[in-house]
Each structure stands twice: as structure tokens, then as C-alpha cells.
Amino acid sequence: MVFNRKQFGFIFFLILLVWKVETIAQKSNIISKEDLVYLKGITRAVLDSSRIRPAQQMPPGFGINNTGEL
């Protein structure tokens, strides 16, 4: 496929435009640093509280916890 000078210029312009929009989007923050710290903290807390430790008593109806070392 052969492009003439006008087509090549238009294609180059589109590539440059897409690249510029992408770099601008990468520099903008979706959420603030404080919100990110809060979300990471609450995620850590939820994961820690839902973790089942070895030999931990399970609520009635869930059976015996046989995971991990005893």
C-alpha cells in the first residue's frame, strides 16, 4: 500500500494525536492519594479479617478447619 504525502501527513497526525491523548490521560489522577491510601487500608483489613487461621474454630455448620499446619 502506497500513501501519498497528504495521506501520510494525516496518518502521522492521527498517531501523534492518539499518543498525546494517552500521555495526558496517564498523568491525570482518577482518585486522590488520600482516597487510595484509605482503599488500600480497608482492603487490607477486610482480607485480614476474612482469613482463616490454622486450627481456627469455625462457626457451626461449616465443618472442621483442616487448613494449614496444626
PDB file of N, CA and C in Angstrom:
ATOM      1  N   MET A   1       0.849  -1.170   0.000  1.00  0.00           N
ATOM      2  CA  MET A   1       0.000   0.000   0.000  1.00  0.00           C
ATOM      3  C   MET A   1       0.898   1.238   0.000  1.00  0.00           C
ATOM      4  N   VAL A   2       0.638   2.129  -0.885  1.00  0.00           N
ATOM      5  CA  VAL A   2       1.437   3.332  -1.021  1.00  0.00           C
ATOM      6  C   VAL A   2       0.576   4.538  -0.644  1.00  0.00           C
ATOM      7  N   PHE A   3       1.134   5.406   0.211  1.00  0.00           N
ATOM      8  CA  PHE A   3       0.421   6.612   0.630  1.00  0.00           C
ATOM      9  C   PHE A   3       1.036   7.815  -0.049  1.00  0.00           C
ATOM     10  N   ASN A   4       0.174   8.737  -0.439  1.00  0.00           N
ATOM     11  CA  ASN A   4       0.727   9.981  -0.950  1.00  0.00           C
ATOM     12  C   ASN A   4       1.052  10.881   0.235  1.00  0.00           C
ATOM     13  N   ARG A   5       1.619  12.001  -0.024  1.00  0.00           N
ATOM     14  CA  ARG A   5       2.100  12.901   1.034  1.00  0.00           C
ATOM     15  C   ARG A   5       0.965  13.380   1.946  1.00  0.00           C
ATOM     16  N   LYS A   6      -0.196  13.673   1.379  1.00  0.00           N
ATOM     17  CA  LYS A   6      -1.328  14.155   2.155  1.00  0.00           C
ATOM     18  C   LYS A   6      -1.856  13.056   3.083  1.00  0.00           C
ATOM     19  N   GLN A   7      -1.981  11.838   2.579  1.00  0.00           N
ATOM     20  CA  GLN A   7      -2.460  10.719   3.391  1.00  0.00           C
ATOM     21  C   GLN A   7      -1.464  10.408   4.509  1.00  0.00           C
ATOM     22  N   PHE A   8      -0.186  10.423   4.174  1.00  0.00           N
ATOM     23  CA  PHE A   8       0.839  10.154   5.182  1.00  0.00           C
ATOM     24  C   PHE A   8       0.801  11.208   6.287  1.00  0.00           C
ATOM     25  N   GLY A   9       0.631  12.462   5.915  1.00  0.00           N
ATOM     26  CA  GLY A   9       0.550  13.533   6.903  1.00  0.00           C
ATOM     27  C   GLY A   9      -0.646  13.367   7.815  1.00  0.00           C
ATOM     28  N   PHE A  10      -1.779  12.951   7.244  1.00  0.00           N
ATOM     29  CA  PHE A  10      -2.986  12.748   8.036  1.00  0.00           C
ATOM     30  C   PHE A  10      -2.798  11.571   9.002  1.00  0.00           C
ATOM     31  N   ILE A  11      -2.231  10.477   8.525  1.00  0.00           N
ATOM     32  CA  ILE A  11      -1.983   9.314   9.382  1.00  0.00           C
ATOM     33  C   ILE A  11      -1.005   9.676  10.493  1.00  0.00           C
ATOM     34  N   PHE A  12       0.040  10.403  10.165  1.00  0.00           N
ATOM     35  CA  PHE A  12       1.013  10.838  11.174  1.00  0.00           C
ATOM     36  C   PHE A  12       0.346  11.722  12.220  1.00  0.00           C
ATOM     37  N   PHE A  13      -0.527  12.616  11.778  1.00  0.00           N
ATOM     38  CA  PHE A  13      -1.256  13.490  12.696  1.00  0.00           C
ATOM     39  C   PHE A  13      -2.135  12.675  13.641  1.00  0.00           C
ATOM     40  N   LEU A  14      -2.837  11.666  13.125  1.00  0.00           N
ATOM     41  CA  LEU A  14      -3.683  10.826  13.973  1.00  0.00           C
ATOM     42  C   LEU A  14      -2.868  10.057  15.009  1.00  0.00           C
ATOM     43  N   ILE A  15      -1.737   9.515  14.581  1.00  0.00           N
ATOM     44  CA  ILE A  15      -0.872   8.783  15.521  1.00  0.00           C
ATOM     45  C   ILE A  15      -0.371   9.729  16.604  1.00  0.00           C
ATOM     46  N   LEU A  16       0.052  10.899  16.232  1.00  0.00           N
ATOM     47  CA  LEU A  16       0.540  11.896  17.191  1.00  0.00           C
ATOM     48  C   LEU A  16      -0.579  12.308  18.155  1.00  0.00           C
ATOM     49  N   LEU A  17      -1.781  12.489  17.644  1.00  0.00           N
ATOM     50  CA  LEU A  17      -2.921  12.869  18.475  1.00  0.00           C
ATOM     51  C   LEU A  17      -3.251  11.771  19.485  1.00  0.00           C
ATOM     52  N   VAL A  18      -3.288  10.527  19.041  1.00  0.00           N
ATOM     53  CA  VAL A  18      -3.572   9.404  19.946  1.00  0.00           C
ATOM     54  C   VAL A  18      -2.495   9.305  21.007  1.00  0.00           C
ATOM     55  N   TRP A  19      -1.230   9.445  20.624  1.00  0.00           N
ATOM     56  CA  TRP A  19      -0.120   9.366  21.588  1.00  0.00           C
ATOM     57  C   TRP A  19      -0.231  10.484  22.616  1.00  0.00           C
ATOM     58  N   LYS A  20      -0.561  11.686  22.186  1.00  0.00           N
ATOM     59  CA  LYS A  20      -0.653  12.822  23.102  1.00  0.00           C
ATOM     60  C   LYS A  20      -1.816  12.648  24.078  1.00  0.00           C
ATOM     61  N   VAL A  21      -2.955  12.199  23.599  1.00  0.00           N
ATOM     62  CA  VAL A  21      -4.110  11.974  24.466  1.00  0.00           C
ATOM     63  C   VAL A  21      -3.790  10.900  25.494  1.00  0.00           C
ATOM     64  N   GLU A  22      -3.098   9.856  25.081  1.00  0.00           N
ATOM     65  CA  GLU A  22      -2.732   8.777  26.002  1.00  0.00           C
ATOM     66  C   GLU A  22      -1.783   9.268  27.086  1.00  0.00           C
ATOM     67  N   THR A  23      -0.807  10.082  26.737  1.00  0.00           N
ATOM     68  CA  THR A  23       0.128  10.575  27.746  1.00  0.00           C
ATOM     69  C   THR A  23      -0.543  11.554  28.704  1.00  0.00           C
ATOM     70  N   ILE A  24      -1.487  12.326  28.223  1.00  0.00           N
ATOM     71  CA  ILE A  24      -2.234  13.236  29.106  1.00  0.00           C
ATOM     72  C   ILE A  24      -3.085  12.422  30.074  1.00  0.00           C
ATOM     73  N   ALA A  25      -3.727  11.366  29.585  1.00  0.00           N
ATOM     74  CA  ALA A  25      -4.581  10.529  30.430  1.00  0.00           C
ATOM     75  C   ALA A  25      -3.766   9.829  31.508  1.00  0.00           C
ATOM     76  N   GLN A  26      -2.539   9.452  31.213  1.00  0.00           N
ATOM     77  CA  GLN A  26      -1.697   8.777  32.199  1.00  0.00           C
ATOM     78  C   GLN A  26      -1.284   9.722  33.313  1.00  0.00           C
ATOM     79  N   LYS A  27      -1.186  10.999  33.045  1.00  0.00           N
ATOM     80  CA  LYS A  27      -0.742  11.969  34.048  1.00  0.00           C
ATOM     81  C   LYS A  27      -1.865  12.390  34.989  1.00  0.00           C
ATOM     82  N   SER A  28      -3.117  12.202  34.577  1.00  0.00           N
ATOM     83  CA  SER A  28      -4.228  12.632  35.424  1.00  0.00           C
ATOM     84  C   SER A  28      -4.547  11.553  36.452  1.00  0.00           C
ATOM     85  N   ASN A  29      -4.925  11.979  37.663  1.00  0.00           N
ATOM     86  CA  ASN A  29      -5.278  11.059  38.723  1.00  0.00           C
ATOM     87  C   ASN A  29      -6.771  10.797  38.702  1.00  0.00           C
ATOM     88  N   ILE A  30      -7.129   9.541  38.833  1.00  0.00           N
ATOM     89  CA  ILE A  30      -8.537   9.185  38.868  1.00  0.00           C
ATOM     90  C   ILE A  30      -9.094   9.461  40.259  1.00  0.00           C
ATOM     91  N   ILE A  31      -8.324   9.075  41.287  1.00  0.00           N
ATOM     92  CA  ILE A  31      -8.718   9.355  42.666  1.00  0.00           C
ATOM     93  C   ILE A  31      -7.536  10.005  43.376  1.00  0.00           C
ATOM     94  N   SER A  32      -7.825  10.644  44.484  1.00  0.00           N
ATOM     95  CA  SER A  32      -6.771  11.341  45.219  1.00  0.00           C
ATOM     96  C   SER A  32      -5.892  10.339  45.973  1.00  0.00           C
ATOM     97  N   LYS A  33      -4.719  10.793  46.386  1.00  0.00           N
ATOM     98  CA  LYS A  33      -3.790   9.944  47.145  1.00  0.00           C
ATOM     99  C   LYS A  33      -4.417   9.486  48.456  1.00  0.00           C
ATOM    100  N   GLU A  34      -5.150  10.394  49.126  1.00  0.00           N
ATOM    101  CA  GLU A  34      -5.789  10.052  50.399  1.00  0.00           C
ATOM    102  C   GLU A  34      -6.826   8.950  50.219  1.00  0.00           C
ATOM    103  N   ASP A  35      -7.599   9.039  49.144  1.00  0.00           N
ATOM    104  CA  ASP A  35      -8.603   8.004  48.872  1.00  0.00           C
ATOM    105  C   ASP A  35      -7.940   6.665  48.576  1.00  0.00           C
ATOM    106  N   LEU A  36      -6.836   6.690  47.848  1.00  0.00           N
ATOM    107  CA  LEU A  36      -6.118   5.459  47.536  1.00  0.00           C
ATOM    108  C   LEU A  36      -5.556   4.819  48.803  1.00  0.00           C
ATOM    109  N   VAL A  37      -5.002   5.621  49.694  1.00  0.00           N
ATOM    110  CA  VAL A  37      -4.485   5.104  50.966  1.00  0.00           C
ATOM    111  C   VAL A  37      -5.623   4.479  51.767  1.00  0.00           C
ATOM    112  N   TYR A  38      -6.778   5.146  51.807  1.00  0.00           N
ATOM    113  CA  TYR A  38      -7.943   4.623  52.531  1.00  0.00           C
ATOM    114  C   TYR A  38      -8.392   3.290  51.933  1.00  0.00           C
ATOM    115  N   LEU A  39      -8.506   3.219  50.610  1.00  0.00           N
ATOM    116  CA  LEU A  39      -8.953   1.986  49.959  1.00  0.00           C
ATOM    117  C   LEU A  39      -7.983   0.841  50.186  1.00  0.00           C
ATOM    118  N   LYS A  40      -6.688   1.121  50.142  1.00  0.00           N
ATOM    119  CA  LYS A  40      -5.700   0.072  50.418  1.00  0.00           C
ATOM    120  C   LYS A  40      -5.809  -0.410  51.853  1.00  0.00           C
ATOM    121  N   GLY A  41      -6.019   0.505  52.789  1.00  0.00           N
ATOM    122  CA  GLY A  41      -6.139   0.139  54.199  1.00  0.00           C
ATOM    123  C   GLY A  41      -7.370  -0.700  54.469  1.00  0.00           C
ATOM    124  N   ILE A  42      -8.495  -0.310  53.903  1.00  0.00           N
ATOM    125  CA  ILE A  42      -9.722  -1.067  54.143  1.00  0.00           C
ATOM    126  C   ILE A  42      -9.671  -2.425  53.449  1.00  0.00           C
ATOM    127  N   THR A  43      -9.011  -2.500  52.305  1.00  0.00           N
ATOM    128  CA  THR A  43      -8.838  -3.783  51.623  1.00  0.00           C
ATOM    129  C   THR A  43      -7.990  -4.715  52.473  1.00  0.00           C
ATOM    130  N   ARG A  44      -6.916  -4.191  53.024  1.00  0.00           N
ATOM    131  CA  ARG A  44      -6.045  -4.988  53.895  1.00  0.00           C
ATOM    132  C   ARG A  44      -6.815  -5.491  55.112  1.00  0.00           C
ATOM    133  N   ALA A  45      -7.646  -4.638  55.707  1.00  0.00           N
ATOM    134  CA  ALA A  45      -8.421  -5.014  56.889  1.00  0.00           C
ATOM    135  C   ALA A  45      -9.449  -6.097  56.563  1.00  0.00           C
ATOM    136  N   VAL A  46     -10.121  -5.969  55.434  1.00  0.00           N
ATOM    137  CA  VAL A  46     -11.128  -6.964  55.039  1.00  0.00           C
ATOM    138  C   VAL A  46     -10.468  -8.306  54.770  1.00  0.00           C
ATOM    139  N   LEU A  47      -9.343  -8.298  54.049  1.00  0.00           N
ATOM    140  CA  LEU A  47      -8.652  -9.559  53.768  1.00  0.00           C
ATOM    141  C   LEU A  47      -8.145 -10.211  55.045  1.00  0.00           C
ATOM    142  N   ASP A  48      -7.611  -9.412  55.960  1.00  0.00           N
ATOM    143  CA  ASP A  48      -7.093  -9.958  57.207  1.00  0.00           C
ATOM    144  C   ASP A  48      -8.214 -10.540  58.059  1.00  0.00           C
ATOM    145  N   SER A  49      -9.354  -9.870  58.118  1.00  0.00           N
ATOM    146  CA  SER A  49     -10.450 -10.365  58.953  1.00  0.00           C
ATOM    147  C   SER A  49     -11.153 -11.574  58.341  1.00  0.00           C
ATOM    148  N   SER A  50     -11.026 -11.782  57.043  1.00  0.00           N
ATOM    149  CA  SER A  50     -11.672 -12.935  56.408  1.00  0.00           C
ATOM    150  C   SER A  50     -10.746 -14.138  56.307  1.00  0.00           C
ATOM    151  N   ARG A  51      -9.504 -13.975  56.686  1.00  0.00           N
ATOM    152  CA  ARG A  51      -8.529 -15.058  56.618  1.00  0.00           C
ATOM    153  C   ARG A  51      -8.833 -16.098  57.693  1.00  0.00           C
ATOM    154  N   ILE A  52      -8.718 -17.374  57.339  1.00  0.00           N
ATOM    155  CA  ILE A  52      -8.925 -18.458  58.288  1.00  0.00           C
ATOM    156  C   ILE A  52      -7.559 -18.972  58.715  1.00  0.00           C
ATOM    157  N   ARG A  53      -7.287 -18.886  59.996  1.00  0.00           N
ATOM    158  CA  ARG A  53      -6.013 -19.324  60.559  1.00  0.00           C
ATOM    159  C   ARG A  53      -6.031 -20.837  60.780  1.00  0.00           C
ATOM    160  N   PRO A  54      -4.856 -21.472  60.781  1.00  0.00           N
ATOM    161  CA  PRO A  54      -4.804 -22.914  61.074  1.00  0.00           C
ATOM    162  C   PRO A  54      -5.407 -23.208  62.452  1.00  0.00           C
ATOM    163  N   ALA A  55      -6.210 -24.247  62.519  1.00  0.00           N
ATOM    164  CA  ALA A  55      -6.866 -24.727  63.742  1.00  0.00           C
ATOM    165  C   ALA A  55      -7.858 -23.713  64.315  1.00  0.00           C
ATOM    166  N   GLN A  56      -8.264 -22.746  63.531  1.00  0.00           N
ATOM    167  CA  GLN A  56      -9.245 -21.748  63.986  1.00  0.00           C
ATOM    168  C   GLN A  56     -10.622 -22.396  64.057  1.00  0.00           C
ATOM    169  N   GLN A  57     -11.372 -22.090  65.124  1.00  0.00           N
ATOM    170  CA  GLN A  57     -12.733 -22.601  65.272  1.00  0.00           C
ATOM    171  C   GLN A  57     -13.619 -21.977  64.204  1.00  0.00           C
ATOM    172  N   MET A  58     -14.379 -22.828  63.541  1.00  0.00           N
ATOM    173  CA  MET A  58     -15.318 -22.365  62.524  1.00  0.00           C
ATOM    174  C   MET A  58     -16.707 -22.261  63.134  1.00  0.00           C
ATOM    175  N   PRO A  59     -17.559 -21.385  62.612  1.00  0.00           N
ATOM    176  CA  PRO A  59     -18.942 -21.313  63.107  1.00  0.00           C
ATOM    177  C   PRO A  59     -19.665 -22.640  62.863  1.00  0.00           C
ATOM    178  N   PRO A  60     -20.673 -22.941  63.678  1.00  0.00           N
ATOM    179  CA  PRO A  60     -21.426 -24.187  63.489  1.00  0.00           C
ATOM    180  C   PRO A  60     -21.991 -24.276  62.068  1.00  0.00           C
ATOM    181  N   GLY A  61     -21.921 -25.474  61.505  1.00  0.00           N
ATOM    182  CA  GLY A  61     -22.453 -25.696  60.162  1.00  0.00           C
ATOM    183  C   GLY A  61     -21.415 -25.584  59.061  1.00  0.00           C
ATOM    184  N   PHE A  62     -20.197 -25.153  59.388  1.00  0.00           N
ATOM    185  CA  PHE A  62     -19.151 -25.013  58.377  1.00  0.00           C
ATOM    186  C   PHE A  62     -18.144 -26.153  58.399  1.00  0.00           C
ATOM    187  N   GLY A  63     -18.241 -27.039  59.353  1.00  0.00           N
ATOM    188  CA  GLY A  63     -17.316 -28.163  59.413  1.00  0.00           C
ATOM    189  C   GLY A  63     -16.022 -27.791  60.101  1.00  0.00           C
ATOM    190  N   ILE A  64     -15.057 -28.712  60.048  1.00  0.00           N
ATOM    191  CA  ILE A  64     -13.789 -28.564  60.730  1.00  0.00           C
ATOM    192  C   ILE A  64     -12.772 -27.873  59.804  1.00  0.00           C
ATOM    193  N   ASN A  65     -11.974 -26.970  60.352  1.00  0.00           N
ATOM    194  CA  ASN A  65     -10.929 -26.302  59.591  1.00  0.00           C
ATOM    195  C   ASN A  65      -9.685 -27.196  59.581  1.00  0.00           C
ATOM    196  N   ASN A  66      -9.375 -27.762  58.439  1.00  0.00           N
ATOM    197  CA  ASN A  66      -8.202 -28.633  58.294  1.00  0.00           C
ATOM    198  C   ASN A  66      -7.104 -27.956  57.469  1.00  0.00           C
ATOM    199  N   THR A  67      -7.141 -26.657  57.338  1.00  0.00           N
ATOM    200  CA  THR A  67      -6.145 -25.967  56.514  1.00  0.00           C
ATOM    201  C   THR A  67      -4.924 -25.633  57.338  1.00  0.00           C
ATOM    202  N   GLY A  68      -3.800 -25.548  56.686  1.00  0.00           N
ATOM    203  CA  GLY A  68      -2.570 -25.086  57.346  1.00  0.00           C
ATOM    204  C   GLY A  68      -1.993 -26.120  58.282  1.00  0.00           C
ATOM    205  N   GLU A  69      -1.007 -25.666  59.032  1.00  0.00           N
ATOM    206  CA  GLU A  69      -0.313 -26.528  59.987  1.00  0.00           C
ATOM    207  C   GLU A  69      -1.040 -26.540  61.311  1.00  0.00           C
ATOM    208  N   LEU A  70      -0.942 -27.655  62.014  1.00  0.00           N
ATOM    209  CA  LEU A  70      -1.566 -27.770  63.339  1.00  0.00           C
ATOM    210  C   LEU A  70      -0.524 -27.710  64.407  1.00  0.00           C
TER     211      LEU A  70
END
